[in-house]
Amino acid sequence: MEMFCWIRFLIVVVACLFPSSVECMVRHYKFNVVLKNSTKLCSTKPIVTVNGRFPGPTIYAREDDTVLVKVVNHVQYNLSIHWHGIRQIRTGWADGPAYITQCPIQPGQQYIYNYTLTGQRGTLWWHAHILWLRATVHGAIVILPKRGVPYPFPAPHKEKVIMLGEWWKSDVEAVINEALKSGLAPNVSDAHTINGQTGPISGCTSQGGFNLPVENNKRYLLRIINAALNEELFFKIAGHQVTVVEVDAVYTKPFKTDTIVIAPGQTTNVILHADRNAGKYLVAASPFMDAPAIVVDNKTATATLHYSGTLSSSRTILTSTPPRNATSVANNFTKSLRSLNSKKYPAKVPLNIDHSLLFTVGLGINPCSTCINGSRVVADINNVTFVMPQIALLQAHVFNISGVFTDDFPGKPPVTYNFTGTQPNNFATTKGTKLYRLAYNSTVQLVLQDTGMLTPENHPVHLHGFNFFEVGRGTGNFNNKTDPKKFNLVDPVERNTVGVPSGGWVAIRFRADNPGVWFMHCHLEVHTTWGLKMAFVVDNGKGPSESVLPPPKDLPKC
């Protein structure tokens, strides 16, 4: 019997045209989400989708708009939606990670997400934040500047969302459940996608791929999002350079490149100048993974940049993709990123630090009597494999529910060793639901150190509730005496998801000016599943304007 599962969104965007007025113009967006057979990907399996579309619909709003999203869950899974990169100032109830800021929406139930896009503009995205459902439940968020406020770069002729993803022929929930049962790594994806299409691949000759029409000498703003579950990606267009102008909804100093690298969870806006001869040009998204022991899906997703007036029968001009281990290409791109740091868009880097933290991130092995090898692969931060609670952490924090979590997460690794060299004999980790407590408005410097416990890897780490500044990065072990002297405290890139380099470290700084409980985790879904996650609890400040808002009446129950 064919299975039909669907979710319904109702989005209302409230735009206050006059900040001093209580009257706002209300714009209504109604999203009906259905489970749809994935025929475009040479498969008839049913997948959970929003409005029957993969990827899901794009949410359009303006800076400082208020967004209300009514989610009705008609699937057989518990569900929650995360609005990735939205600051959620005092509105952690709307952040979305299941069992962190809310209990999930159970089948047949509904919940209204209510948040304001405070001081943000650019490209972000939304996705399911429970199980592996974000493989197909995701879409873009486009936050336009306030009316009358121009971009800090020449206005494009048109804009286009480019959503990169991964595709499994089988049910992704079955993939991860089998891996958890066996204690081994899950099967890699079968293909990559560009706007839900793979391009021609073996066994799927009808899959032509996404088509991007352009006109000669016009400029296009491409809003690129990596929605893949487990793989960083290179993105390039044959015969063209692009100009990077924004990452993670923060403007950057423009620079030109022929290849961008983008980790799961990250967004990158680029200007494409269609200044080539008429023709068709290949667009490619290919994997980047510089850990030799890690197996990835090597298939390249392709699309076509199609100049107007070009015959469809014309030959497509091809491009070579970087090798999957092209670390130098990735590093050159990352090092080129700088905050715009203009008078209108300053880089407010914390200079005085209240909490100086060192978090090691990596993999480990714990005993498992039911697993194939008598052990299972786990992941950890500071040797703590995070245990998901059964009550949402934000509820436990606000209502002082004891026994749900402790606030003794270690600020440094319990054992110091050569993190990127010789490994310790014991690969086991500890388990716990441990949080790190921060006072309101305190400042944090956090060094994320990769470890080669099983193998060094690039971990894209996402922090909810805050933007942060990447003030430094390097290879090997972080040196607390010499490395801070090289920090960029003037115009470091500001973002919400950062790649911890394979066999290296990255240093970030942020101000804890948002009360609540805020998740931090690797955006490689397999590592999050294995326990590479933790949370900060930020206490209320002085008075109601520095305190978490009361929970909504329809907050889901566990």
Protein backbone atom coordinates (compact mmCIF):
# COMPACT_ATOMS: atom_id res chain seq x y z
CA MET A 1 0.00 0.00 0.00
CA GLU A 2 1.39 3.41 -0.91
CA MET A 3 2.27 5.54 2.08
CA PHE A 4 1.34 9.21 2.19
CA CYS A 5 2.92 11.43 4.83
CA TRP A 6 2.70 15.17 4.94
CA ILE A 7 3.38 18.22 7.01
CA ARG A 8 1.60 21.53 6.55
CA PHE A 9 3.29 24.90 7.05
CA LEU A 10 1.46 28.18 7.38
CA ILE A 11 3.86 31.08 7.27
CA VAL A 12 2.82 34.60 8.17
CA VAL A 13 5.44 37.31 7.76
CA VAL A 14 4.71 40.45 9.75
CA ALA A 15 6.52 43.48 8.35
CA CYS A 16 6.55 46.58 10.56
CA LEU A 17 6.83 49.50 8.18
CA PHE A 18 6.99 52.03 11.06
CA PRO A 19 8.96 50.77 14.08
CA SER A 20 7.13 53.13 16.45
CA SER A 21 3.74 51.87 15.32
CA VAL A 22 2.00 48.83 16.73
CA GLU A 23 0.30 48.24 13.39
CA CYS A 24 2.13 45.96 10.99
CA MET A 25 1.43 44.84 7.45
CA VAL A 26 0.79 41.10 7.50
CA ARG A 27 1.78 38.89 4.60
CA HIS A 28 0.50 35.34 4.52
CA TYR A 29 2.32 32.34 3.09
CA LYS A 30 0.60 28.99 3.16
CA PHE A 31 2.80 25.93 2.77
CA ASN A 32 1.22 22.52 2.38
CA VAL A 33 3.75 19.74 2.84
CA VAL A 34 3.15 16.26 1.43
CA LEU A 35 5.04 13.02 1.10
CA LYS A 36 5.87 12.67 -2.57
CA ASN A 37 7.34 9.90 -4.69
CA SER A 38 10.84 10.89 -5.73
CA THR A 39 10.45 10.29 -9.45
CA LYS A 40 12.87 13.07 -10.43
CA LEU A 41 15.66 11.06 -8.87
CA CYS A 42 14.95 7.79 -10.69
CA SER A 43 13.21 6.38 -7.66
CA THR A 44 9.60 5.87 -6.66
CA LYS A 45 10.19 5.72 -2.92
CA PRO A 46 8.06 8.14 -0.87
CA ILE A 47 9.95 10.92 0.89
CA VAL A 48 8.83 13.50 3.43
CA THR A 49 8.66 16.86 1.64
CA VAL A 50 7.31 20.36 2.16
CA ASN A 51 4.56 21.26 -0.32
CA GLY A 52 5.48 18.15 -2.26
CA ARG A 53 8.77 19.76 -3.26
CA PHE A 54 12.38 18.69 -2.84
CA PRO A 55 14.01 20.95 -1.81
CA GLY A 56 11.21 22.66 0.09
CA PRO A 57 9.88 26.17 -0.61
CA THR A 58 11.91 29.29 0.05
CA ILE A 59 10.81 31.64 2.82
CA TYR A 60 11.13 35.30 1.83
CA ALA A 61 11.14 38.08 4.43
CA ARG A 62 12.92 41.33 5.26
CA GLU A 63 15.31 42.33 8.00
CA ASP A 64 13.45 42.82 11.31
CA ASP A 65 10.28 41.09 10.06
CA THR A 66 8.49 38.73 12.42
CA VAL A 67 7.78 35.24 11.12
CA LEU A 68 5.11 32.84 12.32
CA VAL A 69 5.23 29.28 11.07
CA LYS A 70 2.46 26.82 11.83
CA VAL A 71 3.72 23.27 11.46
CA VAL A 72 1.24 20.38 11.42
CA ASN A 73 2.86 16.96 11.60
CA HIS A 74 1.14 14.17 9.68
CA VAL A 75 4.16 11.88 9.33
CA GLN A 76 4.85 8.76 11.37
CA TYR A 77 7.97 10.39 12.86
CA ASN A 78 8.32 12.96 15.60
CA LEU A 79 9.34 16.21 13.94
CA SER A 80 10.90 19.60 14.65
CA ILE A 81 12.11 22.39 12.37
CA HIS A 82 15.27 24.44 12.95
CA TRP A 83 15.66 27.91 11.40
CA HIS A 84 19.38 27.62 10.79
CA GLY A 85 21.29 30.82 11.53
CA ILE A 86 18.34 32.82 12.88
CA ARG A 87 19.57 34.44 16.10
CA GLN A 88 16.29 33.77 17.97
CA ILE A 89 16.86 36.64 20.40
CA ARG A 90 15.11 35.50 23.63
CA THR A 91 12.91 33.17 21.54
CA GLY A 92 14.74 29.89 22.01
CA TRP A 93 11.35 28.13 22.02
CA ALA A 94 11.34 28.65 18.25
CA ASP A 95 14.89 27.44 17.57
CA GLY A 96 13.78 23.89 16.82
CA PRO A 97 16.35 21.23 17.79
CA ALA A 98 14.38 18.36 19.31
CA TYR A 99 14.92 17.79 23.04
CA ILE A 100 17.17 20.87 23.22
CA THR A 101 14.77 23.82 22.95
CA GLN A 102 11.52 21.93 22.47
CA CYS A 103 9.97 18.52 22.65
CA PRO A 104 9.31 17.32 19.09
CA ILE A 105 5.97 17.74 17.37
CA GLN A 106 4.35 14.33 17.59
CA PRO A 107 2.36 12.77 14.73
CA GLY A 108 -0.98 14.52 14.34
CA GLN A 109 0.12 17.51 16.45
CA GLN A 110 1.09 21.06 15.51
CA TYR A 111 3.23 23.96 16.73
CA ILE A 112 3.58 27.64 15.75
CA TYR A 113 7.17 28.90 15.51
CA ASN A 114 7.31 32.63 16.27
CA TYR A 115 10.53 34.63 15.85
CA THR A 116 11.89 37.97 14.63
CA LEU A 117 14.72 38.43 12.13
CA THR A 118 16.51 40.93 14.36
CA GLY A 119 19.29 42.76 12.53
CA GLN A 120 19.81 39.98 10.00
CA ARG A 121 19.77 39.97 6.24
CA GLY A 122 21.09 37.47 3.69
CA THR A 123 20.77 33.74 3.02
CA LEU A 124 19.96 31.18 5.70
CA TRP A 125 17.93 27.99 5.61
CA TRP A 126 15.49 25.80 7.50
CA HIS A 127 15.59 22.04 8.04
CA ALA A 128 14.25 19.22 10.16
CA HIS A 129 16.26 18.85 13.36
CA ILE A 130 15.54 15.32 14.48
CA LEU A 131 16.69 11.93 13.18
CA TRP A 132 18.00 12.20 9.59
CA LEU A 133 14.84 13.81 8.21
CA ARG A 134 16.68 16.92 7.06
CA ALA A 135 17.91 14.88 4.08
CA THR A 136 14.67 15.87 2.34
CA VAL A 137 12.98 18.29 4.76
CA HIS A 138 14.83 21.53 4.09
CA GLY A 139 14.58 24.81 2.21
CA ALA A 140 16.06 28.29 1.92
CA ILE A 141 15.42 31.44 3.94
CA VAL A 142 16.03 34.67 1.98
CA ILE A 143 16.12 37.75 4.22
CA LEU A 144 16.06 40.88 2.10
CA PRO A 145 17.41 44.21 3.42
CA LYS A 146 14.95 46.74 4.76
CA ARG A 147 13.07 48.62 2.07
CA GLY A 148 15.25 51.32 0.57
CA VAL A 149 18.48 49.81 1.90
CA PRO A 150 20.75 48.66 -0.96
CA TYR A 151 23.19 45.78 -1.01
CA PRO A 152 26.80 46.86 -0.30
CA PHE A 153 27.63 45.66 -3.83
CA PRO A 154 26.16 46.41 -7.30
CA ALA A 155 22.56 45.25 -7.48
CA PRO A 156 22.20 41.98 -9.41
CA HIS A 157 19.92 41.55 -12.41
CA LYS A 158 18.35 38.48 -10.79
CA GLU A 159 18.78 36.21 -7.77
CA LYS A 160 18.69 32.45 -7.56
CA VAL A 161 18.79 29.95 -4.68
CA ILE A 162 21.18 27.04 -5.28
CA MET A 163 20.58 24.22 -2.79
CA LEU A 164 23.23 21.48 -2.67
CA GLY A 165 22.37 18.13 -1.13
CA GLU A 166 22.86 14.38 -0.91
CA TRP A 167 20.61 11.55 -2.05
CA TRP A 168 20.15 7.96 -0.88
CA LYS A 169 18.23 5.40 -2.94
CA SER A 170 17.07 3.83 0.31
CA ASP A 171 15.26 5.30 3.30
CA VAL A 172 17.75 7.45 5.23
CA GLU A 173 16.20 6.46 8.56
CA ALA A 174 16.82 2.81 7.72
CA VAL A 175 20.41 3.71 6.78
CA ILE A 176 21.28 5.27 10.13
CA ASN A 177 19.26 2.78 12.19
CA GLU A 178 21.16 -0.11 10.64
CA ALA A 179 24.45 1.64 11.36
CA LEU A 180 23.52 2.23 14.99
CA LYS A 181 22.52 -1.39 15.33
CA SER A 182 25.79 -2.65 13.87
CA GLY A 183 28.03 -0.09 15.55
CA LEU A 184 29.63 0.75 12.20
CA ALA A 185 29.52 3.78 9.91
CA PRO A 186 26.37 4.24 7.78
CA ASN A 187 26.31 3.74 4.03
CA VAL A 188 27.40 6.81 2.08
CA SER A 189 24.91 8.60 -0.15
CA ASP A 190 24.28 7.45 -3.72
CA ALA A 191 24.44 10.88 -5.34
CA HIS A 192 24.76 14.60 -4.80
CA THR A 193 22.11 17.06 -5.93
CA ILE A 194 21.78 20.64 -7.15
CA ASN A 195 18.30 21.98 -6.43
CA GLY A 196 17.05 18.42 -5.99
CA GLN A 197 18.52 17.04 -9.24
CA THR A 198 21.67 15.03 -9.77
CA GLY A 199 22.33 15.59 -13.44
CA PRO A 200 23.10 12.58 -15.65
CA ILE A 201 24.35 9.63 -13.61
CA SER A 202 24.72 5.93 -14.30
CA GLY A 203 21.37 4.14 -14.32
CA CYS A 204 19.39 7.38 -14.56
CA THR A 205 19.70 8.61 -18.13
CA SER A 206 16.56 10.75 -17.94
CA GLN A 207 17.99 12.90 -15.16
CA GLY A 208 18.99 15.98 -17.13
CA GLY A 209 19.80 18.18 -14.17
CA PHE A 210 18.94 21.70 -13.06
CA ASN A 211 19.06 24.47 -15.68
CA LEU A 212 20.13 28.03 -14.81
CA PRO A 213 19.22 30.50 -17.61
CA VAL A 214 21.28 33.69 -17.91
CA GLU A 215 21.57 36.64 -20.27
CA ASN A 216 24.86 37.96 -21.57
CA ASN A 217 26.50 40.71 -19.51
CA LYS A 218 23.97 40.44 -16.68
CA ARG A 219 24.89 39.90 -13.04
CA TYR A 220 23.26 37.21 -10.90
CA LEU A 221 23.27 36.75 -7.14
CA LEU A 222 23.54 33.03 -6.42
CA ARG A 223 22.48 32.09 -2.89
CA ILE A 224 24.31 28.78 -2.35
CA ILE A 225 23.38 26.48 0.55
CA ASN A 226 24.95 23.16 1.52
CA ALA A 227 22.10 20.99 2.82
CA ALA A 228 24.07 17.76 2.49
CA LEU A 229 23.99 15.50 5.52
CA ASN A 230 27.61 14.44 5.71
CA GLU A 231 29.84 15.98 3.05
CA GLU A 232 31.57 19.26 2.32
CA LEU A 233 31.35 20.26 -1.31
CA PHE A 234 33.24 22.18 -3.96
CA PHE A 235 31.12 24.34 -6.29
CA LYS A 236 32.27 25.78 -9.60
CA ILE A 237 30.97 26.91 -12.99
CA ALA A 238 32.90 26.13 -16.15
CA GLY A 239 34.65 29.16 -17.65
CA HIS A 240 33.47 31.59 -14.96
CA GLN A 241 34.71 33.20 -11.81
CA VAL A 242 32.32 34.37 -9.09
CA THR A 243 32.65 37.13 -6.52
CA VAL A 244 31.97 36.11 -2.92
CA VAL A 245 29.95 38.80 -1.09
CA GLU A 246 28.39 37.03 1.90
CA VAL A 247 28.60 33.92 4.07
CA ASP A 248 26.05 32.75 6.65
CA ALA A 249 23.98 35.95 6.15
CA VAL A 250 26.90 38.31 6.89
CA TYR A 251 28.45 40.53 4.22
CA THR A 252 32.12 39.92 3.38
CA LYS A 253 34.87 41.80 1.63
CA PRO A 254 34.35 40.80 -2.02
CA PHE A 255 36.88 38.50 -3.66
CA LYS A 256 36.91 36.49 -6.87
CA THR A 257 37.35 32.75 -7.14
CA ASP A 258 36.62 29.95 -9.58
CA THR A 259 35.87 27.45 -6.79
CA ILE A 260 34.04 27.78 -3.51
CA VAL A 261 34.10 25.24 -0.70
CA ILE A 262 31.02 24.99 1.48
CA ALA A 263 30.40 22.73 4.47
CA PRO A 264 27.04 21.28 5.55
CA GLY A 265 25.09 24.06 7.24
CA GLN A 266 26.95 26.92 5.58
CA THR A 267 25.63 29.43 3.03
CA THR A 268 27.60 31.49 0.53
CA ASN A 269 26.33 34.30 -1.68
CA VAL A 270 28.24 34.99 -4.88
CA ILE A 271 27.86 37.38 -7.81
CA LEU A 272 28.07 35.69 -11.18
CA HIS A 273 28.86 38.00 -14.11
CA ALA A 274 27.56 36.26 -17.23
CA ASP A 275 30.31 37.69 -19.43
CA ARG A 276 31.16 34.70 -21.64
CA ASN A 277 30.17 33.80 -25.15
CA ALA A 278 26.74 32.32 -25.68
CA GLY A 279 26.69 28.65 -24.86
CA LYS A 280 26.05 26.07 -22.16
CA TYR A 281 28.46 25.77 -19.23
CA LEU A 282 28.66 22.93 -16.74
CA VAL A 283 27.90 23.67 -13.07
CA ALA A 284 29.45 21.11 -10.71
CA ALA A 285 29.16 20.20 -7.02
CA SER A 286 31.74 17.61 -5.95
CA PRO A 287 32.85 16.28 -2.55
CA PHE A 288 35.74 17.58 -0.46
CA MET A 289 37.18 15.21 2.13
CA ASP A 290 40.86 15.32 3.08
CA ALA A 291 40.70 12.44 5.55
CA PRO A 292 42.13 9.45 3.64
CA ALA A 293 40.40 6.83 5.80
CA ILE A 294 36.90 8.24 5.23
CA VAL A 295 34.74 6.92 2.40
CA VAL A 296 32.52 9.47 0.65
CA ASP A 297 30.15 9.52 -2.29
CA ASN A 298 32.42 10.48 -5.19
CA LYS A 299 29.63 11.31 -7.63
CA THR A 300 29.54 14.89 -8.89
CA ALA A 301 26.17 16.62 -9.20
CA THR A 302 25.88 18.69 -12.37
CA ALA A 303 23.65 21.45 -13.66
CA THR A 304 23.78 23.72 -16.71
CA LEU A 305 24.36 27.47 -17.00
CA HIS A 306 22.46 28.28 -20.19
CA TYR A 307 22.95 31.60 -22.00
CA SER A 308 19.86 32.94 -23.75
CA GLY A 309 19.82 32.31 -27.46
CA THR A 310 21.88 29.12 -27.14
CA LEU A 311 20.42 26.07 -28.84
CA SER A 312 19.54 23.26 -26.47
CA SER A 313 21.49 20.92 -28.72
CA SER A 314 24.70 22.90 -28.25
CA ARG A 315 27.64 21.16 -26.64
CA THR A 316 28.10 21.87 -22.93
CA ILE A 317 31.46 23.39 -22.02
CA LEU A 318 32.93 21.22 -19.26
CA THR A 319 35.05 21.95 -16.21
CA SER A 320 37.37 19.84 -14.10
CA THR A 321 36.49 19.42 -10.44
CA PRO A 322 39.13 19.59 -7.70
CA PRO A 323 40.36 16.26 -6.33
CA ARG A 324 38.32 15.27 -3.29
CA ASN A 325 41.40 15.83 -1.09
CA ALA A 326 42.27 19.26 -2.54
CA THR A 327 43.05 20.79 0.86
CA SER A 328 45.00 23.69 -0.64
CA VAL A 329 41.98 24.77 -2.71
CA ALA A 330 39.77 24.68 0.38
CA ASN A 331 42.33 26.51 2.52
CA ASN A 332 42.83 29.28 -0.05
CA PHE A 333 39.11 29.90 -0.13
CA THR A 334 38.71 29.90 3.64
CA LYS A 335 41.67 32.24 4.19
CA SER A 336 40.18 34.74 1.74
CA LEU A 337 37.05 35.28 3.84
CA ARG A 338 36.96 38.58 5.74
CA SER A 339 34.13 40.54 7.32
CA LEU A 340 33.09 43.65 5.39
CA ASN A 341 33.73 45.67 8.59
CA SER A 342 32.33 48.91 7.21
CA LYS A 343 30.80 51.78 9.16
CA LYS A 344 27.32 50.40 8.46
CA TYR A 345 28.30 46.75 8.98
CA PRO A 346 31.07 46.71 11.61
CA ALA A 347 32.83 43.62 12.92
CA LYS A 348 32.25 43.82 16.69
CA VAL A 349 34.89 41.32 17.78
CA PRO A 350 35.07 40.76 21.56
CA LEU A 351 38.49 41.94 22.71
CA ASN A 352 38.28 41.15 26.43
CA ILE A 353 37.49 37.49 27.16
CA ASP A 354 35.65 36.10 30.19
CA HIS A 355 35.75 32.40 29.22
CA SER A 356 38.72 30.91 27.38
CA LEU A 357 37.73 27.39 26.35
CA LEU A 358 39.45 24.53 24.53
CA PHE A 359 37.15 21.85 23.09
CA THR A 360 38.58 18.78 21.39
CA VAL A 361 36.34 17.21 18.75
CA GLY A 362 36.67 13.77 17.27
CA LEU A 363 35.70 10.12 17.26
CA GLY A 364 36.09 7.30 19.76
CA ILE A 365 35.12 3.68 20.36
CA ASN A 366 32.91 2.44 23.18
CA PRO A 367 31.97 -1.14 24.13
CA CYS A 368 28.74 -2.53 22.65
CA SER A 369 27.71 -6.08 23.46
CA THR A 370 25.10 -6.22 20.65
CA CYS A 371 27.28 -4.70 17.91
CA ILE A 372 29.13 -6.64 15.21
CA ASN A 373 32.64 -6.09 16.59
CA GLY A 374 31.62 -5.79 20.23
CA SER A 375 32.08 -2.03 19.99
CA ARG A 376 30.54 1.02 18.36
CA VAL A 377 31.94 4.20 16.87
CA VAL A 378 31.06 7.28 18.91
CA ALA A 379 31.89 10.98 18.71
CA ASP A 380 32.65 13.45 21.46
CA ILE A 381 33.60 16.93 22.58
CA ASN A 382 36.24 16.99 25.34
CA ASN A 383 35.78 13.23 25.58
CA VAL A 384 32.08 13.61 26.45
CA THR A 385 29.64 11.78 24.18
CA PHE A 386 26.44 13.75 24.57
CA VAL A 387 23.34 11.88 25.75
CA MET A 388 20.06 13.33 24.50
CA PRO A 389 17.57 14.02 27.32
CA GLN A 390 13.92 13.01 27.36
CA ILE A 391 12.79 16.49 28.39
CA ALA A 392 13.79 19.58 26.40
CA LEU A 393 16.79 21.29 28.01
CA LEU A 394 15.33 24.77 27.65
CA GLN A 395 12.21 23.72 29.53
CA ALA A 396 14.34 22.12 32.25
CA HIS A 397 16.41 25.31 32.53
CA VAL A 398 13.50 27.79 32.60
CA PHE A 399 11.34 25.73 34.96
CA ASN A 400 14.23 24.46 37.13
CA ILE A 401 13.47 20.78 36.47
CA SER A 402 16.20 18.82 38.22
CA GLY A 403 17.86 15.68 36.95
CA VAL A 404 17.69 16.56 33.25
CA PHE A 405 21.20 17.98 32.80
CA THR A 406 24.25 19.10 34.71
CA ASP A 407 26.22 22.30 34.06
CA ASP A 408 29.68 20.78 34.53
CA PHE A 409 30.75 20.42 30.90
CA PRO A 410 34.56 20.63 30.97
CA GLY A 411 36.11 23.82 29.63
CA LYS A 412 39.20 21.94 28.56
CA PRO A 413 39.96 18.30 27.66
CA PRO A 414 40.33 16.02 30.70
CA VAL A 415 43.52 14.51 29.30
CA THR A 416 46.17 16.43 27.38
CA TYR A 417 48.05 14.53 24.68
CA ASN A 418 49.30 15.06 21.14
CA PHE A 419 45.83 15.51 19.66
CA THR A 420 46.98 15.31 16.03
CA GLY A 421 49.86 12.88 16.50
CA THR A 422 50.38 9.78 18.62
CA GLN A 423 47.06 8.61 20.01
CA PRO A 424 46.30 7.35 23.52
CA ASN A 425 45.72 3.67 24.13
CA ASN A 426 42.17 4.19 25.39
CA PHE A 427 39.66 5.25 22.71
CA ALA A 428 36.67 5.17 25.10
CA THR A 429 34.61 8.25 25.92
CA THR A 430 32.44 9.27 28.85
CA LYS A 431 28.70 9.88 28.48
CA GLY A 432 26.49 12.59 29.87
CA THR A 433 24.03 15.42 29.32
CA LYS A 434 26.43 18.15 30.33
CA LEU A 435 26.06 21.88 29.61
CA TYR A 436 28.47 24.79 29.98
CA ARG A 437 27.00 27.77 31.86
CA LEU A 438 27.60 31.37 30.78
CA ALA A 439 26.56 34.61 32.43
CA TYR A 440 24.51 36.96 30.29
CA ASN A 441 26.68 39.22 28.10
CA SER A 442 29.90 37.39 29.00
CA THR A 443 32.45 36.92 26.24
CA VAL A 444 33.81 33.61 25.03
CA GLN A 445 36.90 32.50 23.16
CA LEU A 446 36.50 28.91 22.06
CA VAL A 447 39.26 26.91 20.37
CA LEU A 448 37.96 23.83 18.59
CA GLN A 449 40.76 21.27 18.24
CA ASP A 450 40.45 18.32 15.89
CA THR A 451 41.78 15.00 17.16
CA GLY A 452 43.00 12.03 15.20
CA MET A 453 41.56 9.51 17.67
CA LEU A 454 40.42 7.33 14.76
CA THR A 455 41.25 9.66 11.88
CA PRO A 456 41.58 13.43 11.50
CA GLU A 457 38.53 15.03 9.91
CA ASN A 458 37.15 18.44 9.01
CA HIS A 459 34.20 19.00 11.37
CA PRO A 460 31.72 21.76 10.43
CA VAL A 461 30.56 22.94 13.85
CA HIS A 462 27.32 24.92 14.10
CA LEU A 463 26.42 27.13 17.08
CA HIS A 464 22.75 27.92 17.61
CA GLY A 465 21.60 31.30 18.94
CA PHE A 466 24.74 33.27 18.04
CA ASN A 467 26.99 34.45 15.29
CA PHE A 468 30.70 34.23 16.05
CA PHE A 469 33.97 35.52 14.63
CA GLU A 470 36.64 33.15 13.34
CA VAL A 471 39.76 34.85 14.70
CA GLY A 472 42.31 32.19 13.83
CA ARG A 473 43.01 28.71 12.50
CA GLY A 474 45.99 26.47 12.02
CA THR A 475 47.36 22.96 11.67
CA GLY A 476 48.56 20.68 14.43
CA ASN A 477 47.94 21.40 18.11
CA PHE A 478 46.80 24.84 19.25
CA ASN A 479 49.57 26.71 21.06
CA ASN A 480 48.06 29.00 23.68
CA LYS A 481 51.21 31.16 23.86
CA THR A 482 52.10 31.76 20.22
CA ASP A 483 48.93 31.25 18.16
CA PRO A 484 46.83 34.06 19.74
CA LYS A 485 49.50 36.55 18.66
CA LYS A 486 48.45 35.84 15.05
CA PHE A 487 44.70 36.24 15.63
CA ASN A 488 42.76 38.56 13.33
CA LEU A 489 40.77 40.83 15.65
CA VAL A 490 40.05 43.49 13.01
CA ASP A 491 37.99 41.94 10.22
CA PRO A 492 37.61 38.18 10.88
CA VAL A 493 34.80 36.43 9.06
CA GLU A 494 31.54 36.26 11.01
CA ARG A 495 29.33 33.19 10.65
CA ASN A 496 27.30 30.49 12.44
CA THR A 497 29.01 27.32 11.12
CA VAL A 498 32.77 26.87 10.98
CA GLY A 499 34.96 24.08 9.65
CA VAL A 500 37.45 22.69 12.15
CA PRO A 501 40.36 21.80 9.82
CA SER A 502 41.44 18.21 9.56
CA GLY A 503 44.37 17.75 11.93
CA GLY A 504 44.14 21.35 13.11
CA TRP A 505 42.21 23.94 15.09
CA VAL A 506 40.01 26.99 14.71
CA ALA A 507 39.42 29.79 17.25
CA ILE A 508 36.11 31.65 17.49
CA ARG A 509 34.83 34.47 19.68
CA PHE A 510 31.29 35.52 20.57
CA ARG A 511 29.31 37.46 23.14
CA ALA A 512 26.69 35.51 25.13
CA ASP A 513 24.00 38.17 24.73
CA ASN A 514 21.12 35.76 24.11
CA PRO A 515 19.65 34.00 27.18
CA GLY A 516 18.51 30.39 26.90
CA VAL A 517 19.93 26.99 25.99
CA TRP A 518 21.89 26.86 22.76
CA PHE A 519 22.98 23.71 20.95
CA MET A 520 26.44 23.32 19.43
CA HIS A 521 27.16 20.31 17.25
CA CYS A 522 28.95 18.96 14.22
CA HIS A 523 26.80 19.45 11.13
CA LEU A 524 27.94 16.12 9.72
CA GLU A 525 24.76 14.32 10.68
CA VAL A 526 26.53 11.05 11.37
CA HIS A 527 28.78 12.73 13.94
CA THR A 528 25.82 14.45 15.62
CA THR A 529 24.09 11.07 15.84
CA TRP A 530 27.22 9.59 17.39
CA GLY A 531 27.34 12.30 20.08
CA LEU A 532 29.52 15.17 18.83
CA LYS A 533 27.33 17.81 20.44
CA MET A 534 26.87 19.87 23.61
CA ALA A 535 24.95 22.95 24.70
CA PHE A 536 25.58 26.28 26.40
CA VAL A 537 23.13 27.54 28.99
CA VAL A 538 23.10 31.35 29.13
CA ASP A 539 21.52 32.78 32.25
CA ASN A 540 19.08 35.69 32.17
CA GLY A 541 20.50 39.17 32.56
CA LYS A 542 18.87 42.09 34.34
CA GLY A 543 15.18 42.60 33.76
CA PRO A 544 12.73 41.23 31.18
CA SER A 545 14.58 42.61 28.14
CA GLU A 546 17.53 40.33 28.98
CA SER A 547 15.46 37.27 29.87
CA VAL A 548 13.99 34.34 27.96
CA LEU A 549 10.44 35.06 26.88
CA PRO A 550 7.70 32.86 28.40
CA PRO A 551 7.00 29.68 26.42
CA PRO A 552 4.12 29.69 23.95
CA LYS A 553 0.93 27.96 25.02
CA ASP A 554 1.18 25.36 22.24
CA LEU A 555 4.74 24.29 23.08
CA PRO A 556 4.90 20.54 22.34
CA LYS A 557 5.03 18.10 25.22
CA CYS A 558 7.31 15.09 25.47
